[in-house]
Amino acid sequence: MINSCGKYGNGKQRLQLMPLFKIDFEILSEITNITLIGKVKNPGFRAYLNRKFGKAAWHYKKGNAKILDKETQTVWRVEIHFCQAHGKAKCHFRVKYKIERIYE
């Protein structure tokens, strides 16, 4: 059982899942090839989404998009993960994989 401080009852630290790339980016194209990954089951994260964007049944989704990396000013085609609920806008974007660099 995980308690509020993020540790198991036996004192072991739980694995923290972090995005592969922590970059500041801007989405340049529509997100294509959208597929459902699963429901948001983490109660803390679900509460955060409900508080910030409104109460709904949230789902994890993934797709491909073209982004601009603001640090290096390069354009990439990436796999992006995000959350979305029925009738709500897409939110909480995370870049998971850089697929290819686009030269323009």
PDB file of N, CA and C in Angstrom:
ATOM      1  N   MET A   1       0.840  -1.182   0.000  1.00  0.00           N
ATOM      2  CA  MET A   1       0.000   0.000   0.000  1.00  0.00           C
ATOM      3  C   MET A   1       0.882   1.241   0.000  1.00  0.00           C
ATOM      4  N   ILE A   2       0.533   2.217  -0.809  1.00  0.00           N
ATOM      5  CA  ILE A   2       1.317   3.448  -0.895  1.00  0.00           C
ATOM      6  C   ILE A   2       0.659   4.499  -0.001  1.00  0.00           C
ATOM      7  N   ASN A   3       1.464   5.115   0.866  1.00  0.00           N
ATOM      8  CA  ASN A   3       0.907   6.157   1.723  1.00  0.00           C
ATOM      9  C   ASN A   3       1.096   7.528   1.081  1.00  0.00           C
ATOM     10  N   SER A   4       0.699   8.575   1.773  1.00  0.00           N
ATOM     11  CA  SER A   4       0.670   9.912   1.177  1.00  0.00           C
ATOM     12  C   SER A   4       2.054  10.463   0.857  1.00  0.00           C
ATOM     13  N   CYS A   5       3.107   9.969   1.490  1.00  0.00           N
ATOM     14  CA  CYS A   5       4.443  10.508   1.219  1.00  0.00           C
ATOM     15  C   CYS A   5       5.128   9.769   0.078  1.00  0.00           C
ATOM     16  N   GLY A   6       4.420   8.857  -0.597  1.00  0.00           N
ATOM     17  CA  GLY A   6       4.981   8.212  -1.772  1.00  0.00           C
ATOM     18  C   GLY A   6       5.863   7.022  -1.472  1.00  0.00           C
ATOM     19  N   LYS A   7       5.726   6.434  -0.278  1.00  0.00           N
ATOM     20  CA  LYS A   7       6.528   5.268   0.072  1.00  0.00           C
ATOM     21  C   LYS A   7       5.615   4.106   0.367  1.00  0.00           C
ATOM     22  N   TYR A   8       6.123   2.920   0.124  1.00  0.00           N
ATOM     23  CA  TYR A   8       5.399   1.719   0.511  1.00  0.00           C
ATOM     24  C   TYR A   8       5.469   1.583   2.030  1.00  0.00           C
ATOM     25  N   GLY A   9       4.600   0.763   2.586  1.00  0.00           N
ATOM     26  CA  GLY A   9       4.567   0.574   4.028  1.00  0.00           C
ATOM     27  C   GLY A   9       5.874   0.029   4.582  1.00  0.00           C
ATOM     28  N   ASN A  10       6.680  -0.657   3.750  1.00  0.00           N
ATOM     29  CA  ASN A  10       7.939  -1.218   4.227  1.00  0.00           C
ATOM     30  C   ASN A  10       9.098  -0.222   4.137  1.00  0.00           C
ATOM     31  N   GLY A  11       8.834   1.018   3.765  1.00  0.00           N
ATOM     32  CA  GLY A  11       9.873   2.047   3.730  1.00  0.00           C
ATOM     33  C   GLY A  11      10.584   2.189   2.400  1.00  0.00           C
ATOM     34  N   LYS A  12      10.297   1.317   1.416  1.00  0.00           N
ATOM     35  CA  LYS A  12      10.949   1.420   0.111  1.00  0.00           C
ATOM     36  C   LYS A  12      10.319   2.551  -0.692  1.00  0.00           C
ATOM     37  N   GLN A  13      11.149   3.303  -1.384  1.00  0.00           N
ATOM     38  CA  GLN A  13      10.663   4.399  -2.221  1.00  0.00           C
ATOM     39  C   GLN A  13      10.033   3.810  -3.481  1.00  0.00           C
ATOM     40  N   ARG A  14       8.855   4.309  -3.873  1.00  0.00           N
ATOM     41  CA  ARG A  14       8.216   3.803  -5.091  1.00  0.00           C
ATOM     42  C   ARG A  14       8.900   4.393  -6.321  1.00  0.00           C
ATOM     43  N   LEU A  15       8.767   3.722  -7.435  1.00  0.00           N
ATOM     44  CA  LEU A  15       9.359   4.158  -8.693  1.00  0.00           C
ATOM     45  C   LEU A  15       8.630   5.398  -9.198  1.00  0.00           C
ATOM     46  N   GLN A  16       9.344   6.455  -9.445  1.00  0.00           N
ATOM     47  CA  GLN A  16       8.756   7.688  -9.971  1.00  0.00           C
ATOM     48  C   GLN A  16       8.829   7.647 -11.495  1.00  0.00           C
ATOM     49  N   LEU A  17       7.688   7.689 -12.158  1.00  0.00           N
ATOM     50  CA  LEU A  17       7.659   7.681 -13.609  1.00  0.00           C
ATOM     51  C   LEU A  17       7.799   9.108 -14.109  1.00  0.00           C
ATOM     52  N   MET A  18       8.839   9.371 -14.839  1.00  0.00           N
ATOM     53  CA  MET A  18       9.116  10.713 -15.345  1.00  0.00           C
ATOM     54  C   MET A  18       9.058  10.679 -16.865  1.00  0.00           C
ATOM     55  N   PRO A  19       8.675  11.802 -17.492  1.00  0.00           N
ATOM     56  CA  PRO A  19       8.715  11.838 -18.950  1.00  0.00           C
ATOM     57  C   PRO A  19      10.145  11.668 -19.448  1.00  0.00           C
ATOM     58  N   LEU A  20      10.268  11.094 -20.632  1.00  0.00           N
ATOM     59  CA  LEU A  20      11.583  10.843 -21.189  1.00  0.00           C
ATOM     60  C   LEU A  20      12.326  12.152 -21.447  1.00  0.00           C
ATOM     61  N   PHE A  21      11.620  13.144 -21.968  1.00  0.00           N
ATOM     62  CA  PHE A  21      12.235  14.430 -22.259  1.00  0.00           C
ATOM     63  C   PHE A  21      11.506  15.516 -21.487  1.00  0.00           C
ATOM     64  N   LYS A  22      12.232  16.290 -20.695  1.00  0.00           N
ATOM     65  CA  LYS A  22      11.650  17.450 -20.029  1.00  0.00           C
ATOM     66  C   LYS A  22      12.090  18.665 -20.835  1.00  0.00           C
ATOM     67  N   ILE A  23      11.293  19.015 -21.843  1.00  0.00           N
ATOM     68  CA  ILE A  23      11.648  20.129 -22.704  1.00  0.00           C
ATOM     69  C   ILE A  23      10.477  21.093 -22.780  1.00  0.00           C
ATOM     70  N   ASP A  24      10.802  22.344 -23.039  1.00  0.00           N
ATOM     71  CA  ASP A  24       9.794  23.368 -23.266  1.00  0.00           C
ATOM     72  C   ASP A  24       9.518  23.364 -24.765  1.00  0.00           C
ATOM     73  N   PHE A  25       8.264  23.125 -25.144  1.00  0.00           N
ATOM     74  CA  PHE A  25       7.965  22.973 -26.559  1.00  0.00           C
ATOM     75  C   PHE A  25       6.641  23.616 -26.910  1.00  0.00           C
ATOM     76  N   GLU A  26       6.468  23.809 -28.221  1.00  0.00           N
ATOM     77  CA  GLU A  26       5.223  24.342 -28.767  1.00  0.00           C
ATOM     78  C   GLU A  26       4.759  23.384 -29.853  1.00  0.00           C
ATOM     79  N   ILE A  27       3.490  23.012 -29.821  1.00  0.00           N
ATOM     80  CA  ILE A  27       2.948  22.080 -30.812  1.00  0.00           C
ATOM     81  C   ILE A  27       2.630  22.862 -32.083  1.00  0.00           C
ATOM     82  N   LEU A  28       3.197  22.408 -33.222  1.00  0.00           N
ATOM     83  CA  LEU A  28       3.030  23.113 -34.494  1.00  0.00           C
ATOM     84  C   LEU A  28       1.952  22.511 -35.379  1.00  0.00           C
ATOM     85  N   SER A  29       1.629  21.237 -35.205  1.00  0.00           N
ATOM     86  CA  SER A  29       0.658  20.578 -36.081  1.00  0.00           C
ATOM     87  C   SER A  29      -0.422  19.900 -35.243  1.00  0.00           C
ATOM     88  N   GLU A  30      -1.426  19.377 -35.929  1.00  0.00           N
ATOM     89  CA  GLU A  30      -2.439  18.596 -35.234  1.00  0.00           C
ATOM     90  C   GLU A  30      -1.830  17.294 -34.757  1.00  0.00           C
ATOM     91  N   ILE A  31      -2.397  16.737 -33.708  1.00  0.00           N
ATOM     92  CA  ILE A  31      -1.949  15.436 -33.222  1.00  0.00           C
ATOM     93  C   ILE A  31      -2.656  14.367 -34.047  1.00  0.00           C
ATOM     94  N   THR A  32      -1.867  13.491 -34.664  1.00  0.00           N
ATOM     95  CA  THR A  32      -2.415  12.447 -35.532  1.00  0.00           C
ATOM     96  C   THR A  32      -2.176  11.073 -34.899  1.00  0.00           C
ATOM     97  N   ASN A  33      -2.792  10.047 -35.462  1.00  0.00           N
ATOM     98  CA  ASN A  33      -2.652   8.661 -34.986  1.00  0.00           C
ATOM     99  C   ASN A  33      -2.936   8.549 -33.489  1.00  0.00           C
ATOM    100  N   ILE A  34      -4.014   9.175 -33.036  1.00  0.00           N
ATOM    101  CA  ILE A  34      -4.354   9.160 -31.616  1.00  0.00           C
ATOM    102  C   ILE A  34      -4.897   7.791 -31.227  1.00  0.00           C
ATOM    103  N   THR A  35      -4.304   7.226 -30.177  1.00  0.00           N
ATOM    104  CA  THR A  35      -4.771   5.949 -29.646  1.00  0.00           C
ATOM    105  C   THR A  35      -4.932   6.071 -28.135  1.00  0.00           C
ATOM    106  N   LEU A  36      -5.844   5.286 -27.595  1.00  0.00           N
ATOM    107  CA  LEU A  36      -6.108   5.275 -26.165  1.00  0.00           C
ATOM    108  C   LEU A  36      -5.100   4.375 -25.471  1.00  0.00           C
ATOM    109  N   ILE A  37      -4.484   4.868 -24.406  1.00  0.00           N
ATOM    110  CA  ILE A  37      -3.557   4.070 -23.607  1.00  0.00           C
ATOM    111  C   ILE A  37      -4.307   3.435 -22.440  1.00  0.00           C
ATOM    112  N   GLY A  38      -5.118   4.230 -21.736  1.00  0.00           N
ATOM    113  CA  GLY A  38      -5.866   3.703 -20.601  1.00  0.00           C
ATOM    114  C   GLY A  38      -6.516   4.825 -19.814  1.00  0.00           C
ATOM    115  N   LYS A  39      -7.173   4.460 -18.730  1.00  0.00           N
ATOM    116  CA  LYS A  39      -7.808   5.438 -17.856  1.00  0.00           C
ATOM    117  C   LYS A  39      -6.788   5.992 -16.870  1.00  0.00           C
ATOM    118  N   VAL A  40      -7.033   7.207 -16.413  1.00  0.00           N
ATOM    119  CA  VAL A  40      -6.218   7.788 -15.351  1.00  0.00           C
ATOM    120  C   VAL A  40      -6.709   7.169 -14.045  1.00  0.00           C
ATOM    121  N   LYS A  41      -5.876   6.326 -13.438  1.00  0.00           N
ATOM    122  CA  LYS A  41      -6.277   5.621 -12.223  1.00  0.00           C
ATOM    123  C   LYS A  41      -5.657   6.203 -10.963  1.00  0.00           C
ATOM    124  N   ASN A  42      -4.588   6.957 -11.092  1.00  0.00           N
ATOM    125  CA  ASN A  42      -3.927   7.551  -9.937  1.00  0.00           C
ATOM    126  C   ASN A  42      -4.864   8.572  -9.296  1.00  0.00           C
ATOM    127  N   PRO A  43      -5.301   8.343  -8.055  1.00  0.00           N
ATOM    128  CA  PRO A  43      -6.280   9.251  -7.459  1.00  0.00           C
ATOM    129  C   PRO A  43      -5.775  10.673  -7.276  1.00  0.00           C
ATOM    130  N   GLY A  44      -4.496  10.832  -6.978  1.00  0.00           N
ATOM    131  CA  GLY A  44      -3.946  12.181  -6.812  1.00  0.00           C
ATOM    132  C   GLY A  44      -3.916  12.947  -8.121  1.00  0.00           C
ATOM    133  N   PHE A  45      -3.484  12.278  -9.187  1.00  0.00           N
ATOM    134  CA  PHE A  45      -3.418  12.928 -10.499  1.00  0.00           C
ATOM    135  C   PHE A  45      -4.819  13.205 -11.031  1.00  0.00           C
ATOM    136  N   ARG A  46      -5.741  12.263 -10.808  1.00  0.00           N
ATOM    137  CA  ARG A  46      -7.123  12.452 -11.241  1.00  0.00           C
ATOM    138  C   ARG A  46      -7.754  13.630 -10.497  1.00  0.00           C
ATOM    139  N   ALA A  47      -7.471  13.759  -9.204  1.00  0.00           N
ATOM    140  CA  ALA A  47      -7.983  14.892  -8.426  1.00  0.00           C
ATOM    141  C   ALA A  47      -7.419  16.207  -8.948  1.00  0.00           C
ATOM    142  N   TYR A  48      -6.119  16.204  -9.303  1.00  0.00           N
ATOM    143  CA  TYR A  48      -5.506  17.402  -9.883  1.00  0.00           C
ATOM    144  C   TYR A  48      -6.202  17.798 -11.188  1.00  0.00           C
ATOM    145  N   LEU A  49      -6.438  16.828 -12.081  1.00  0.00           N
ATOM    146  CA  LEU A  49      -7.108  17.120 -13.349  1.00  0.00           C
ATOM    147  C   LEU A  49      -8.532  17.618 -13.121  1.00  0.00           C
ATOM    148  N   ASN A  50      -9.252  17.002 -12.193  1.00  0.00           N
ATOM    149  CA  ASN A  50     -10.615  17.440 -11.890  1.00  0.00           C
ATOM    150  C   ASN A  50     -10.635  18.855 -11.324  1.00  0.00           C
ATOM    151  N   ARG A  51      -9.671  19.167 -10.467  1.00  0.00           N
ATOM    152  CA  ARG A  51      -9.592  20.491  -9.866  1.00  0.00           C
ATOM    153  C   ARG A  51      -9.249  21.563 -10.902  1.00  0.00           C
ATOM    154  N   LYS A  52      -8.305  21.232 -11.789  1.00  0.00           N
ATOM    155  CA  LYS A  52      -7.811  22.234 -12.739  1.00  0.00           C
ATOM    156  C   LYS A  52      -8.705  22.379 -13.979  1.00  0.00           C
ATOM    157  N   PHE A  53      -9.260  21.269 -14.495  1.00  0.00           N
ATOM    158  CA  PHE A  53      -9.972  21.302 -15.767  1.00  0.00           C
ATOM    159  C   PHE A  53     -11.450  20.934 -15.664  1.00  0.00           C
ATOM    160  N   GLY A  54     -11.916  20.527 -14.499  1.00  0.00           N
ATOM    161  CA  GLY A  54     -13.315  20.145 -14.341  1.00  0.00           C
ATOM    162  C   GLY A  54     -13.460  18.640 -14.180  1.00  0.00           C
ATOM    163  N   LYS A  55     -14.494  18.246 -13.447  1.00  0.00           N
ATOM    164  CA  LYS A  55     -14.695  16.830 -13.143  1.00  0.00           C
ATOM    165  C   LYS A  55     -15.110  16.070 -14.393  1.00  0.00           C
ATOM    166  N   ALA A  56     -14.444  14.949 -14.638  1.00  0.00           N
ATOM    167  CA  ALA A  56     -14.722  14.121 -15.815  1.00  0.00           C
ATOM    168  C   ALA A  56     -14.012  12.783 -15.664  1.00  0.00           C
ATOM    169  N   ALA A  57     -14.284  11.864 -16.571  1.00  0.00           N
ATOM    170  CA  ALA A  57     -13.573  10.587 -16.644  1.00  0.00           C
ATOM    171  C   ALA A  57     -12.378  10.775 -17.574  1.00  0.00           C
ATOM    172  N   TRP A  58     -11.185  10.846 -17.010  1.00  0.00           N
ATOM    173  CA  TRP A  58      -9.982  11.174 -17.772  1.00  0.00           C
ATOM    174  C   TRP A  58      -9.334   9.923 -18.349  1.00  0.00           C
ATOM    175  N   HIS A  59      -8.754  10.069 -19.554  1.00  0.00           N
ATOM    176  CA  HIS A  59      -8.067   8.982 -20.249  1.00  0.00           C
ATOM    177  C   HIS A  59      -6.685   9.447 -20.697  1.00  0.00           C
ATOM    178  N   TYR A  60      -5.709   8.510 -20.641  1.00  0.00           N
ATOM    179  CA  TYR A  60      -4.397   8.746 -21.236  1.00  0.00           C
ATOM    180  C   TYR A  60      -4.493   8.405 -22.714  1.00  0.00           C
ATOM    181  N   LYS A  61      -3.948   9.265 -23.554  1.00  0.00           N
ATOM    182  CA  LYS A  61      -3.903   9.001 -24.988  1.00  0.00           C
ATOM    183  C   LYS A  61      -2.512   9.338 -25.500  1.00  0.00           C
ATOM    184  N   LYS A  62      -2.204   8.817 -26.710  1.00  0.00           N
ATOM    185  CA  LYS A  62      -0.933   9.146 -27.339  1.00  0.00           C
ATOM    186  C   LYS A  62      -1.162   9.379 -28.820  1.00  0.00           C
ATOM    187  N   GLY A  63      -0.242  10.123 -29.435  1.00  0.00           N
ATOM    188  CA  GLY A  63      -0.324  10.400 -30.853  1.00  0.00           C
ATOM    189  C   GLY A  63       0.983  11.007 -31.334  1.00  0.00           C
ATOM    190  N   ASN A  64       1.032  11.318 -32.618  1.00  0.00           N
ATOM    191  CA  ASN A  64       2.220  11.927 -33.216  1.00  0.00           C
ATOM    192  C   ASN A  64       1.932  13.384 -33.543  1.00  0.00           C
ATOM    193  N   ALA A  65       2.947  14.223 -33.371  1.00  0.00           N
ATOM    194  CA  ALA A  65       2.787  15.646 -33.664  1.00  0.00           C
ATOM    195  C   ALA A  65       4.139  16.236 -34.048  1.00  0.00           C
ATOM    196  N   LYS A  66       4.082  17.405 -34.649  1.00  0.00           N
ATOM    197  CA  LYS A  66       5.280  18.160 -34.979  1.00  0.00           C
ATOM    198  C   LYS A  66       5.410  19.256 -33.919  1.00  0.00           C
ATOM    199  N   ILE A  67       6.589  19.355 -33.276  1.00  0.00           N
ATOM    200  CA  ILE A  67       6.782  20.353 -32.228  1.00  0.00           C
ATOM    201  C   ILE A  67       8.010  21.210 -32.516  1.00  0.00           C
ATOM    202  N   LEU A  68       8.056  22.360 -31.877  1.00  0.00           N
ATOM    203  CA  LEU A  68       9.229  23.233 -31.905  1.00  0.00           C
ATOM    204  C   LEU A  68       9.850  23.199 -30.523  1.00  0.00           C
ATOM    205  N   ASP A  69      11.096  22.734 -30.445  1.00  0.00           N
ATOM    206  CA  ASP A  69      11.843  22.760 -29.181  1.00  0.00           C
ATOM    207  C   ASP A  69      12.295  24.192 -28.962  1.00  0.00           C
ATOM    208  N   LYS A  70      11.807  24.839 -27.906  1.00  0.00           N
ATOM    209  CA  LYS A  70      12.082  26.262 -27.703  1.00  0.00           C
ATOM    210  C   LYS A  70      13.523  26.547 -27.305  1.00  0.00           C
ATOM    211  N   GLU A  71      14.212  25.576 -26.696  1.00  0.00           N
ATOM    212  CA  GLU A  71      15.606  25.779 -26.308  1.00  0.00           C
ATOM    213  C   GLU A  71      16.531  25.828 -27.515  1.00  0.00           C
ATOM    214  N   THR A  72      16.401  24.838 -28.409  1.00  0.00           N
ATOM    215  CA  THR A  72      17.324  24.725 -29.533  1.00  0.00           C
ATOM    216  C   THR A  72      16.740  25.248 -30.843  1.00  0.00           C
ATOM    217  N   GLN A  73      15.444  25.630 -30.827  1.00  0.00           N
ATOM    218  CA  GLN A  73      14.756  26.135 -32.017  1.00  0.00           C
ATOM    219  C   GLN A  73      14.788  25.121 -33.166  1.00  0.00           C
ATOM    220  N   THR A  74      14.663  23.833 -32.835  1.00  0.00           N
ATOM    221  CA  THR A  74      14.599  22.790 -33.860  1.00  0.00           C
ATOM    222  C   THR A  74      13.191  22.201 -33.892  1.00  0.00           C
ATOM    223  N   VAL A  75      12.816  21.693 -35.061  1.00  0.00           N
ATOM    224  CA  VAL A  75      11.497  21.101 -35.248  1.00  0.00           C
ATOM    225  C   VAL A  75      11.652  19.582 -35.261  1.00  0.00           C
ATOM    226  N   TRP A  76      10.818  18.894 -34.488  1.00  0.00           N
ATOM    227  CA  TRP A  76      10.866  17.444 -34.366  1.00  0.00           C
ATOM    228  C   TRP A  76       9.492  16.862 -34.605  1.00  0.00           C
ATOM    229  N   ARG A  77       9.462  15.636 -35.144  1.00  0.00           N
ATOM    230  CA  ARG A  77       8.246  14.839 -35.139  1.00  0.00           C
ATOM    231  C   ARG A  77       8.389  13.906 -33.948  1.00  0.00           C
ATOM    232  N   VAL A  78       7.404  13.925 -33.032  1.00  0.00           N
ATOM    233  CA  VAL A  78       7.524  13.212 -31.763  1.00  0.00           C
ATOM    234  C   VAL A  78       6.283  12.384 -31.474  1.00  0.00           C
ATOM    235  N   GLU A  79       6.440  11.436 -30.542  1.00  0.00           N
ATOM    236  CA  GLU A  79       5.282  10.772 -29.953  1.00  0.00           C
ATOM    237  C   GLU A  79       4.971  11.542 -28.679  1.00  0.00           C
ATOM    238  N   ILE A  80       3.737  11.985 -28.566  1.00  0.00           N
ATOM    239  CA  ILE A  80       3.333  12.822 -27.446  1.00  0.00           C
ATOM    240  C   ILE A  80       2.222  12.121 -26.681  1.00  0.00           C
ATOM    241  N   HIS A  81       2.298  12.146 -25.359  1.00  0.00           N
ATOM    242  CA  HIS A  81       1.270  11.566 -24.502  1.00  0.00           C
ATOM    243  C   HIS A  81       0.522  12.711 -23.837  1.00  0.00           C
ATOM    244  N   PHE A  82      -0.795  12.543 -23.661  1.00  0.00           N
ATOM    245  CA  PHE A  82      -1.609  13.604 -23.075  1.00  0.00           C
ATOM    246  C   PHE A  82      -2.838  13.009 -22.421  1.00  0.00           C
ATOM    247  N   CYS A  83      -3.565  13.841 -21.698  1.00  0.00           N
ATOM    248  CA  CYS A  83      -4.812  13.433 -21.056  1.00  0.00           C
ATOM    249  C   CYS A  83      -5.968  14.144 -21.737  1.00  0.00           C
ATOM    250  N   GLN A  84      -7.101  13.459 -21.825  1.00  0.00           N
ATOM    251  CA  GLN A  84      -8.292  14.057 -22.405  1.00  0.00           C
ATOM    252  C   GLN A  84      -9.519  13.391 -21.811  1.00  0.00           C
ATOM    253  N   ALA A  85     -10.571  14.179 -21.651  1.00  0.00           N
ATOM    254  CA  ALA A  85     -11.857  13.657 -21.189  1.00  0.00           C
ATOM    255  C   ALA A  85     -12.909  14.027 -22.219  1.00  0.00           C
ATOM    256  N   HIS A  86     -14.015  13.294 -22.185  1.00  0.00           N
ATOM    257  CA  HIS A  86     -15.100  13.564 -23.126  1.00  0.00           C
ATOM    258  C   HIS A  86     -15.608  14.989 -22.945  1.00  0.00           C
ATOM    259  N   GLY A  87     -15.571  15.755 -24.012  1.00  0.00           N
ATOM    260  CA  GLY A  87     -16.046  17.129 -23.966  1.00  0.00           C
ATOM    261  C   GLY A  87     -15.043  18.119 -23.414  1.00  0.00           C
ATOM    262  N   LYS A  88     -13.847  17.683 -23.089  1.00  0.00           N
ATOM    263  CA  LYS A  88     -12.807  18.563 -22.537  1.00  0.00           C
ATOM    264  C   LYS A  88     -11.657  18.667 -23.529  1.00  0.00           C
ATOM    265  N   ALA A  89     -10.894  19.729 -23.401  1.00  0.00           N
ATOM    266  CA  ALA A  89      -9.729  19.935 -24.260  1.00  0.00           C
ATOM    267  C   ALA A  89      -8.598  18.996 -23.850  1.00  0.00           C
ATOM    268  N   LYS A  90      -7.658  18.757 -24.751  1.00  0.00           N
ATOM    269  CA  LYS A  90      -6.474  17.966 -24.443  1.00  0.00           C
ATOM    270  C   LYS A  90      -5.618  18.762 -23.457  1.00  0.00           C
ATOM    271  N   CYS A  91      -4.966  18.062 -22.529  1.00  0.00           N
ATOM    272  CA  CYS A  91      -4.138  18.760 -21.550  1.00  0.00           C
ATOM    273  C   CYS A  91      -3.011  17.855 -21.067  1.00  0.00           C
ATOM    274  N   HIS A  92      -2.107  18.424 -20.316  1.00  0.00           N
ATOM    275  CA  HIS A  92      -0.991  17.714 -19.683  1.00  0.00           C
ATOM    276  C   HIS A  92      -0.170  16.950 -20.721  1.00  0.00           C
ATOM    277  N   PHE A  93       0.439  17.681 -21.650  1.00  0.00           N
ATOM    278  CA  PHE A  93       1.227  17.086 -22.733  1.00  0.00           C
ATOM    279  C   PHE A  93       2.621  16.717 -22.246  1.00  0.00           C
ATOM    280  N   ARG A  94       3.123  15.548 -22.687  1.00  0.00           N
ATOM    281  CA  ARG A  94       4.483  15.111 -22.397  1.00  0.00           C
ATOM    282  C   ARG A  94       5.076  14.487 -23.652  1.00  0.00           C
ATOM    283  N   VAL A  95       6.280  14.892 -24.003  1.00  0.00           N
ATOM    284  CA  VAL A  95       6.982  14.293 -25.144  1.00  0.00           C
ATOM    285  C   VAL A  95       7.629  13.005 -24.648  1.00  0.00           C
ATOM    286  N   LYS A  96       7.310  11.888 -25.298  1.00  0.00           N
ATOM    287  CA  LYS A  96       7.873  10.603 -24.908  1.00  0.00           C
ATOM    288  C   LYS A  96       9.055  10.203 -25.777  1.00  0.00           C
ATOM    289  N   TYR A  97       8.907  10.314 -27.105  1.00  0.00           N
ATOM    290  CA  TYR A  97       9.969   9.888 -28.012  1.00  0.00           C
ATOM    291  C   TYR A  97      10.135  10.908 -29.123  1.00  0.00           C
ATOM    292  N   LYS A  98      11.370  11.223 -29.428  1.00  0.00           N
ATOM    293  CA  LYS A  98      11.654  12.019 -30.620  1.00  0.00           C
ATOM    294  C   LYS A  98      11.813  11.036 -31.769  1.00  0.00           C
ATOM    295  N   ILE A  99      10.953  11.147 -32.772  1.00  0.00           N
ATOM    296  CA  ILE A  99      10.974  10.203 -33.883  1.00  0.00           C
ATOM    297  C   ILE A  99      11.981  10.642 -34.944  1.00  0.00           C
ATOM    298  N   GLU A 100      11.887  11.888 -35.380  1.00  0.00           N
ATOM    299  CA  GLU A 100      12.850  12.376 -36.368  1.00  0.00           C
ATOM    300  C   GLU A 100      12.924  13.896 -36.314  1.00  0.00           C
ATOM    301  N   ARG A 101      14.075  14.423 -36.704  1.00  0.00           N
ATOM    302  CA  ARG A 101      14.252  15.862 -36.806  1.00  0.00           C
ATOM    303  C   ARG A 101      13.785  16.303 -38.176  1.00  0.00           C
ATOM    304  N   ILE A 102      13.067  17.407 -38.227  1.00  0.00           N
ATOM    305  CA  ILE A 102      12.544  17.914 -39.490  1.00  0.00           C
ATOM    306  C   ILE A 102      13.308  19.170 -39.856  1.00  0.00           C
ATOM    307  N   TYR A 103      13.864  19.165 -41.044  1.00  0.00           N
ATOM    308  CA  TYR A 103      14.625  20.312 -41.534  1.00  0.00           C
ATOM    309  C   TYR A 103      13.733  21.144 -42.430  1.00  0.00           C
ATOM    310  N   GLU A 104      13.524  22.395 -42.052  1.00  0.00           N
ATOM    311  CA  GLU A 104      12.678  23.274 -42.855  1.00  0.00           C
ATOM    312  C   GLU A 104      13.423  24.548 -43.211  1.00  0.00           C
TER     313      GLU A 104
END
